[in-house]
């Protein structure tokens, strides 16, 4: 990850913590995940044709799973 990427991730995490304080961790998590799905749907639709839509969806799901597993490994080793 480059420096700008890490900075943006930190901004999202700070916002999630702020939302968690107002609601709960499950609410913050599910609302962030839904917002991400909405944003990524727009991104996928912008770059996809009917022919490659499913492949692009699978790519995003695979990226999410990799990021989730890497984060679990990272935070469980602290």
PDB file of N, CA and C in Angstrom:
ATOM      1  N   UNK A   1       0.848  -1.189   0.000  1.00  0.00           N
ATOM      2  CA  UNK A   1       0.000   0.000   0.000  1.00  0.00           C
ATOM      3  C   UNK A   1       0.886   1.243   0.000  1.00  0.00           C
ATOM      4  N   UNK A   2       0.533   2.190  -0.830  1.00  0.00           N
ATOM      5  CA  UNK A   2       1.286   3.439  -0.802  1.00  0.00           C
ATOM      6  C   UNK A   2       0.738   4.350   0.294  1.00  0.00           C
ATOM      7  N   UNK A   3       1.440   5.439   0.510  1.00  0.00           N
ATOM      8  CA  UNK A   3       1.110   6.342   1.620  1.00  0.00           C
ATOM      9  C   UNK A   3      -0.298   6.939   1.491  1.00  0.00           C
ATOM     10  N   UNK A   4      -0.682   7.351   0.298  1.00  0.00           N
ATOM     11  CA  UNK A   4      -2.009   7.954   0.099  1.00  0.00           C
ATOM     12  C   UNK A   4      -3.106   6.925   0.349  1.00  0.00           C
ATOM     13  N   UNK A   5      -2.896   5.703  -0.120  1.00  0.00           N
ATOM     14  CA  UNK A   5      -3.865   4.637   0.104  1.00  0.00           C
ATOM     15  C   UNK A   5      -4.071   4.421   1.596  1.00  0.00           C
ATOM     16  N   UNK A   6      -2.983   4.321   2.352  1.00  0.00           N
ATOM     17  CA  UNK A   6      -3.073   4.129   3.806  1.00  0.00           C
ATOM     18  C   UNK A   6      -3.789   5.299   4.471  1.00  0.00           C
ATOM     19  N   UNK A   7      -3.538   6.502   3.993  1.00  0.00           N
ATOM     20  CA  UNK A   7      -4.196   7.696   4.546  1.00  0.00           C
ATOM     21  C   UNK A   7      -5.709   7.621   4.347  1.00  0.00           C
ATOM     22  N   UNK A   8      -6.135   7.220   3.167  1.00  0.00           N
ATOM     23  CA  UNK A   8      -7.567   7.114   2.873  1.00  0.00           C
ATOM     24  C   UNK A   8      -8.197   6.000   3.716  1.00  0.00           C
ATOM     25  N   UNK A   9      -7.520   4.864   3.837  1.00  0.00           N
ATOM     26  CA  UNK A   9      -8.020   3.765   4.675  1.00  0.00           C
ATOM     27  C   UNK A   9      -8.197   4.249   6.109  1.00  0.00           C
ATOM     28  N   UNK A  10      -7.221   4.979   6.615  1.00  0.00           N
ATOM     29  CA  UNK A  10      -7.318   5.507   7.981  1.00  0.00           C
ATOM     30  C   UNK A  10      -8.517   6.433   8.140  1.00  0.00           C
ATOM     31  N   UNK A  11      -8.814   7.231   7.126  1.00  0.00           N
ATOM     32  CA  UNK A  11      -9.978   8.122   7.188  1.00  0.00           C
ATOM     33  C   UNK A  11     -11.272   7.314   7.287  1.00  0.00           C
ATOM     34  N   UNK A  12     -11.364   6.248   6.512  1.00  0.00           N
ATOM     35  CA  UNK A  12     -12.553   5.393   6.577  1.00  0.00           C
ATOM     36  C   UNK A  12     -12.666   4.721   7.945  1.00  0.00           C
ATOM     37  N   UNK A  13     -11.548   4.249   8.465  1.00  0.00           N
ATOM     38  CA  UNK A  13     -11.577   3.591   9.781  1.00  0.00           C
ATOM     39  C   UNK A  13     -11.979   4.572  10.885  1.00  0.00           C
ATOM     40  N   UNK A  14     -11.465   5.792  10.811  1.00  0.00           N
ATOM     41  CA  UNK A  14     -11.843   6.813  11.794  1.00  0.00           C
ATOM     42  C   UNK A  14     -13.347   7.097  11.729  1.00  0.00           C
ATOM     43  N   UNK A  15     -13.885   7.179  10.526  1.00  0.00           N
ATOM     44  CA  UNK A  15     -15.323   7.427  10.360  1.00  0.00           C
ATOM     45  C   UNK A  15     -16.127   6.255  10.903  1.00  0.00           C
ATOM     46  N   UNK A  16     -15.669   5.032  10.658  1.00  0.00           N
ATOM     47  CA  UNK A  16     -16.367   3.846  11.172  1.00  0.00           C
ATOM     48  C   UNK A  16     -16.384   3.856  12.696  1.00  0.00           C
ATOM     49  N   UNK A  17     -15.283   4.240  13.318  1.00  0.00           N
ATOM     50  CA  UNK A  17     -15.216   4.313  14.785  1.00  0.00           C
ATOM     51  C   UNK A  17     -16.169   5.384  15.299  1.00  0.00           C
ATOM     52  N   UNK A  18     -16.253   6.487  14.591  1.00  0.00           N
ATOM     53  CA  UNK A  18     -17.192   7.558  14.950  1.00  0.00           C
ATOM     54  C   UNK A  18     -18.636   7.046  14.869  1.00  0.00           C
ATOM     55  N   UNK A  19     -18.970   6.347  13.792  1.00  0.00           N
ATOM     56  CA  UNK A  19     -20.318   5.793  13.627  1.00  0.00           C
ATOM     57  C   UNK A  19     -20.592   4.738  14.685  1.00  0.00           C
ATOM     58  N   UNK A  20     -19.600   3.912  14.980  1.00  0.00           N
ATOM     59  CA  UNK A  20     -19.751   2.885  16.019  1.00  0.00           C
ATOM     60  C   UNK A  20     -20.098   3.522  17.364  1.00  0.00           C
ATOM     61  N   UNK A  21     -19.465   4.642  17.681  1.00  0.00           N
ATOM     62  CA  UNK A  21     -19.732   5.321  18.952  1.00  0.00           C
ATOM     63  C   UNK A  21     -21.176   5.835  19.014  1.00  0.00           C
ATOM     64  N   UNK A  22     -21.742   6.166  17.857  1.00  0.00           N
ATOM     65  CA  UNK A  22     -23.116   6.670  17.788  1.00  0.00           C
ATOM     66  C   UNK A  22     -24.143   5.543  17.735  1.00  0.00           C
ATOM     67  N   UNK A  23     -23.719   4.356  17.272  1.00  0.00           N
ATOM     68  CA  UNK A  23     -24.659   3.252  17.080  1.00  0.00           C
ATOM     69  C   UNK A  23     -24.108   1.989  17.743  1.00  0.00           C
ATOM     70  N   UNK A  24     -23.447   1.154  16.964  1.00  0.00           N
ATOM     71  CA  UNK A  24     -22.828  -0.082  17.462  1.00  0.00           C
ATOM     72  C   UNK A  24     -21.843  -0.572  16.409  1.00  0.00           C
ATOM     73  N   UNK A  25     -20.975  -1.512  16.802  1.00  0.00           N
ATOM     74  CA  UNK A  25     -20.030  -2.059  15.831  1.00  0.00           C
ATOM     75  C   UNK A  25     -20.752  -2.783  14.690  1.00  0.00           C
ATOM     76  N   UNK A  26     -21.766  -3.628  14.990  1.00  0.00           N
ATOM     77  CA  UNK A  26     -22.474  -4.262  13.872  1.00  0.00           C
ATOM     78  C   UNK A  26     -23.126  -3.253  12.919  1.00  0.00           C
ATOM     79  N   UNK A  27     -23.695  -2.183  13.463  1.00  0.00           N
ATOM     80  CA  UNK A  27     -24.324  -1.147  12.620  1.00  0.00           C
ATOM     81  C   UNK A  27     -23.267  -0.442  11.776  1.00  0.00           C
ATOM     82  N   UNK A  28     -22.152  -0.075  12.384  1.00  0.00           N
ATOM     83  CA  UNK A  28     -21.078   0.592  11.636  1.00  0.00           C
ATOM     84  C   UNK A  28     -20.549  -0.332  10.546  1.00  0.00           C
ATOM     85  N   UNK A  29     -20.321  -1.578  10.887  1.00  0.00           N
ATOM     86  CA  UNK A  29     -19.776  -2.542   9.938  1.00  0.00           C
ATOM     87  C   UNK A  29     -20.728  -2.798   8.768  1.00  0.00           C
ATOM     88  N   UNK A  30     -21.989  -3.087   9.072  1.00  0.00           N
ATOM     89  CA  UNK A  30     -22.931  -3.414   8.000  1.00  0.00           C
ATOM     90  C   UNK A  30     -23.239  -2.205   7.123  1.00  0.00           C
ATOM     91  N   UNK A  31     -23.314  -1.019   7.717  1.00  0.00           N
ATOM     92  CA  UNK A  31     -23.593   0.161   6.898  1.00  0.00           C
ATOM     93  C   UNK A  31     -22.399   0.506   6.013  1.00  0.00           C
ATOM     94  N   UNK A  32     -21.175   0.325   6.520  1.00  0.00           N
ATOM     95  CA  UNK A  32     -19.992   0.570   5.701  1.00  0.00           C
ATOM     96  C   UNK A  32     -19.910  -0.458   4.565  1.00  0.00           C
ATOM     97  N   UNK A  33     -20.212  -1.705   4.876  1.00  0.00           N
ATOM     98  CA  UNK A  33     -20.186  -2.746   3.854  1.00  0.00           C
ATOM     99  C   UNK A  33     -21.233  -2.477   2.773  1.00  0.00           C
ATOM    100  N   UNK A  34     -22.426  -2.043   3.171  1.00  0.00           N
ATOM    101  CA  UNK A  34     -23.478  -1.729   2.199  1.00  0.00           C
ATOM    102  C   UNK A  34     -23.081  -0.539   1.334  1.00  0.00           C
ATOM    103  N   UNK A  35     -22.534   0.508   1.966  1.00  0.00           N
ATOM    104  CA  UNK A  35     -22.094   1.684   1.203  1.00  0.00           C
ATOM    105  C   UNK A  35     -20.995   1.301   0.213  1.00  0.00           C
ATOM    106  N   UNK A  36     -20.091   0.441   0.638  1.00  0.00           N
ATOM    107  CA  UNK A  36     -19.028  -0.033  -0.247  1.00  0.00           C
ATOM    108  C   UNK A  36     -19.612  -0.820  -1.417  1.00  0.00           C
ATOM    109  N   UNK A  37     -20.600  -1.655  -1.136  1.00  0.00           N
ATOM    110  CA  UNK A  37     -21.243  -2.422  -2.208  1.00  0.00           C
ATOM    111  C   UNK A  37     -21.919  -1.484  -3.210  1.00  0.00           C
ATOM    112  N   UNK A  38     -22.591  -0.448  -2.721  1.00  0.00           N
ATOM    113  CA  UNK A  38     -23.241   0.517  -3.614  1.00  0.00           C
ATOM    114  C   UNK A  38     -22.209   1.232  -4.486  1.00  0.00           C
ATOM    115  N   UNK A  39     -21.124   1.673  -3.871  1.00  0.00           N
ATOM    116  CA  UNK A  39     -20.080   2.379  -4.619  1.00  0.00           C
ATOM    117  C   UNK A  39     -19.420   1.448  -5.633  1.00  0.00           C
ATOM    118  N   UNK A  40     -19.112   0.231  -5.209  1.00  0.00           N
ATOM    119  CA  UNK A  40     -18.458  -0.717  -6.107  1.00  0.00           C
ATOM    120  C   UNK A  40     -19.384  -1.165  -7.236  1.00  0.00           C
ATOM    121  N   UNK A  41     -20.673  -1.232  -6.980  1.00  0.00           N
ATOM    122  CA  UNK A  41     -21.624  -1.565  -8.044  1.00  0.00           C
ATOM    123  C   UNK A  41     -21.534  -0.529  -9.162  1.00  0.00           C
ATOM    124  N   UNK A  42     -21.459   0.737  -8.778  1.00  0.00           N
ATOM    125  CA  UNK A  42     -21.324   1.797  -9.784  1.00  0.00           C
ATOM    126  C   UNK A  42     -20.008   1.645 -10.545  1.00  0.00           C
ATOM    127  N   UNK A  43     -18.940   1.356  -9.830  1.00  0.00           N
ATOM    128  CA  UNK A  43     -17.635   1.179 -10.458  1.00  0.00           C
ATOM    129  C   UNK A  43     -17.640  -0.004 -11.422  1.00  0.00           C
ATOM    130  N   UNK A  44     -18.217  -1.119 -10.993  1.00  0.00           N
ATOM    131  CA  UNK A  44     -18.286  -2.309 -11.838  1.00  0.00           C
ATOM    132  C   UNK A  44     -19.127  -2.027 -13.077  1.00  0.00           C
ATOM    133  N   UNK A  45     -20.269  -1.382 -12.901  1.00  0.00           N
ATOM    134  CA  UNK A  45     -21.132  -1.079 -14.046  1.00  0.00           C
ATOM    135  C   UNK A  45     -20.455  -0.141 -15.043  1.00  0.00           C
ATOM    136  N   UNK A  46     -19.639   0.781 -14.531  1.00  0.00           N
ATOM    137  CA  UNK A  46     -18.924   1.714 -15.415  1.00  0.00           C
ATOM    138  C   UNK A  46     -17.906   0.999 -16.300  1.00  0.00           C
ATOM    139  N   UNK A  47     -17.326  -0.096 -15.801  1.00  0.00           N
ATOM    140  CA  UNK A  47     -16.262  -0.750 -16.569  1.00  0.00           C
ATOM    141  C   UNK A  47     -16.690  -2.078 -17.189  1.00  0.00           C
ATOM    142  N   UNK A  48     -17.931  -2.475 -17.016  1.00  0.00           N
ATOM    143  CA  UNK A  48     -18.366  -3.794 -17.455  1.00  0.00           C
ATOM    144  C   UNK A  48     -19.312  -3.730 -18.637  1.00  0.00           C
ATOM    145  N   UNK A  49     -19.261  -4.789 -19.398  1.00  0.00           N
ATOM    146  CA  UNK A  49     -20.285  -5.040 -20.409  1.00  0.00           C
ATOM    147  C   UNK A  49     -21.062  -6.259 -19.929  1.00  0.00           C
ATOM    148  N   UNK A  50     -22.133  -6.579 -20.600  1.00  0.00           N
ATOM    149  CA  UNK A  50     -22.910  -7.764 -20.205  1.00  0.00           C
ATOM    150  C   UNK A  50     -22.032  -9.008 -20.240  1.00  0.00           C
ATOM    151  N   UNK A  51     -21.062  -8.997 -21.122  1.00  0.00           N
ATOM    152  CA  UNK A  51     -20.189 -10.158 -21.306  1.00  0.00           C
ATOM    153  C   UNK A  51     -19.237 -10.391 -20.124  1.00  0.00           C
ATOM    154  N   UNK A  52     -18.744  -9.319 -19.502  1.00  0.00           N
ATOM    155  CA  UNK A  52     -17.763  -9.504 -18.427  1.00  0.00           C
ATOM    156  C   UNK A  52     -18.257  -9.072 -17.047  1.00  0.00           C
ATOM    157  N   UNK A  53     -19.535  -8.812 -16.907  1.00  0.00           N
ATOM    158  CA  UNK A  53     -20.089  -8.369 -15.628  1.00  0.00           C
ATOM    159  C   UNK A  53     -19.824  -9.383 -14.519  1.00  0.00           C
ATOM    160  N   UNK A  54     -20.144 -10.640 -14.741  1.00  0.00           N
ATOM    161  CA  UNK A  54     -19.969 -11.658 -13.700  1.00  0.00           C
ATOM    162  C   UNK A  54     -18.500 -11.825 -13.313  1.00  0.00           C
ATOM    163  N   UNK A  55     -17.605 -11.735 -14.267  1.00  0.00           N
ATOM    164  CA  UNK A  55     -16.171 -11.843 -13.973  1.00  0.00           C
ATOM    165  C   UNK A  55     -15.712 -10.663 -13.119  1.00  0.00           C
ATOM    166  N   UNK A  56     -16.213  -9.471 -13.418  1.00  0.00           N
ATOM    167  CA  UNK A  56     -15.842  -8.296 -12.625  1.00  0.00           C
ATOM    168  C   UNK A  56     -16.407  -8.383 -11.208  1.00  0.00           C
ATOM    169  N   UNK A  57     -17.623  -8.882 -11.063  1.00  0.00           N
ATOM    170  CA  UNK A  57     -18.201  -9.079  -9.730  1.00  0.00           C
ATOM    171  C   UNK A  57     -17.349 -10.081  -8.953  1.00  0.00           C
ATOM    172  N   UNK A  58     -16.990 -11.182  -9.585  1.00  0.00           N
ATOM    173  CA  UNK A  58     -16.169 -12.206  -8.926  1.00  0.00           C
ATOM    174  C   UNK A  58     -14.819 -11.638  -8.504  1.00  0.00           C
ATOM    175  N   UNK A  59     -14.253 -10.763  -9.325  1.00  0.00           N
ATOM    176  CA  UNK A  59     -12.969 -10.134  -8.988  1.00  0.00           C
ATOM    177  C   UNK A  59     -13.089  -9.295  -7.714  1.00  0.00           C
ATOM    178  N   UNK A  60     -14.154  -8.522  -7.595  1.00  0.00           N
ATOM    179  CA  UNK A  60     -14.352  -7.700  -6.397  1.00  0.00           C
ATOM    180  C   UNK A  60     -14.582  -8.572  -5.159  1.00  0.00           C
ATOM    181  N   UNK A  61     -15.350  -9.637  -5.312  1.00  0.00           N
ATOM    182  CA  UNK A  61     -15.597 -10.544  -4.188  1.00  0.00           C
ATOM    183  C   UNK A  61     -14.287 -11.187  -3.738  1.00  0.00           C
ATOM    184  N   UNK A  62     -13.466 -11.595  -4.698  1.00  0.00           N
ATOM    185  CA  UNK A  62     -12.166 -12.197  -4.370  1.00  0.00           C
ATOM    186  C   UNK A  62     -11.254 -11.188  -3.667  1.00  0.00           C
ATOM    187  N   UNK A  63     -11.241  -9.949  -4.149  1.00  0.00           N
ATOM    188  CA  UNK A  63     -10.427  -8.909  -3.500  1.00  0.00           C
ATOM    189  C   UNK A  63     -10.901  -8.693  -2.067  1.00  0.00           C
ATOM    190  N   UNK A  64     -12.227  -8.616  -1.864  1.00  0.00           N
ATOM    191  CA  UNK A  64     -12.752  -8.405  -0.525  1.00  0.00           C
ATOM    192  C   UNK A  64     -12.353  -9.550   0.390  1.00  0.00           C
ATOM    193  N   UNK A  65     -12.502 -10.784  -0.075  1.00  0.00           N
ATOM    194  CA  UNK A  65     -12.151 -11.931   0.756  1.00  0.00           C
ATOM    195  C   UNK A  65     -10.671 -11.896   1.127  1.00  0.00           C
ATOM    196  N   UNK A  66      -9.803 -11.586   0.179  1.00  0.00           N
ATOM    197  CA  UNK A  66      -8.365 -11.488   0.472  1.00  0.00           C
ATOM    198  C   UNK A  66      -8.091 -10.400   1.505  1.00  0.00           C
ATOM    199  N   UNK A  67      -8.713  -9.245   1.334  1.00  0.00           N
ATOM    200  CA  UNK A  67      -8.505  -8.136   2.276  1.00  0.00           C
ATOM    201  C   UNK A  67      -9.021  -8.491   3.662  1.00  0.00           C
ATOM    202  N   UNK A  68     -10.181  -9.138   3.726  1.00  0.00           N
ATOM    203  CA  UNK A  68     -10.755  -9.535   5.014  1.00  0.00           C
ATOM    204  C   UNK A  68      -9.845 -10.545   5.712  1.00  0.00           C
ATOM    205  N   UNK A  69      -9.410 -11.562   4.998  1.00  0.00           N
ATOM    206  CA  UNK A  69      -8.543 -12.579   5.601  1.00  0.00           C
ATOM    207  C   UNK A  69      -7.207 -11.991   6.035  1.00  0.00           C
ATOM    208  N   UNK A  70      -6.629 -11.116   5.223  1.00  0.00           N
ATOM    209  CA  UNK A  70      -5.374 -10.471   5.608  1.00  0.00           C
ATOM    210  C   UNK A  70      -5.556  -9.588   6.836  1.00  0.00           C
ATOM    211  N   UNK A  71      -6.672  -8.901   6.920  1.00  0.00           N
ATOM    212  CA  UNK A  71      -6.933  -8.048   8.090  1.00  0.00           C
ATOM    213  C   UNK A  71      -7.150  -8.880   9.346  1.00  0.00           C
ATOM    214  N   UNK A  72      -7.859  -9.993   9.224  1.00  0.00           N
ATOM    215  CA  UNK A  72      -8.044 -10.869  10.378  1.00  0.00           C
ATOM    216  C   UNK A  72      -6.701 -11.384  10.866  1.00  0.00           C
ATOM    217  N   UNK A  73      -5.865 -11.789   9.932  1.00  0.00           N
ATOM    218  CA  UNK A  73      -4.531 -12.263  10.308  1.00  0.00           C
ATOM    219  C   UNK A  73      -3.735 -11.145  10.977  1.00  0.00           C
ATOM    220  N   UNK A  74      -3.804  -9.952  10.417  1.00  0.00           N
ATOM    221  CA  UNK A  74      -3.073  -8.797  10.970  1.00  0.00           C
ATOM    222  C   UNK A  74      -3.550  -8.478  12.394  1.00  0.00           C
ATOM    223  N   UNK A  75      -4.851  -8.344  12.583  1.00  0.00           N
ATOM    224  CA  UNK A  75      -5.362  -7.933  13.877  1.00  0.00           C
ATOM    225  C   UNK A  75      -5.307  -9.047  14.927  1.00  0.00           C
ATOM    226  N   UNK A  76      -5.324 -10.298  14.506  1.00  0.00           N
ATOM    227  CA  UNK A  76      -5.227 -11.381  15.488  1.00  0.00           C
ATOM    228  C   UNK A  76      -3.790 -11.605  15.955  1.00  0.00           C
ATOM    229  N   UNK A  77      -2.829 -11.045  15.236  1.00  0.00           N
ATOM    230  CA  UNK A  77      -1.430 -11.200  15.635  1.00  0.00           C
ATOM    231  C   UNK A  77      -0.951 -10.055  16.511  1.00  0.00           C
ATOM    232  N   UNK A  78      -1.797  -9.099  16.783  1.00  0.00           N
ATOM    233  CA  UNK A  78      -1.412  -7.947  17.626  1.00  0.00           C
ATOM    234  C   UNK A  78      -1.427  -8.303  19.074  1.00  0.00           C
TER     235      UNK A  78
END
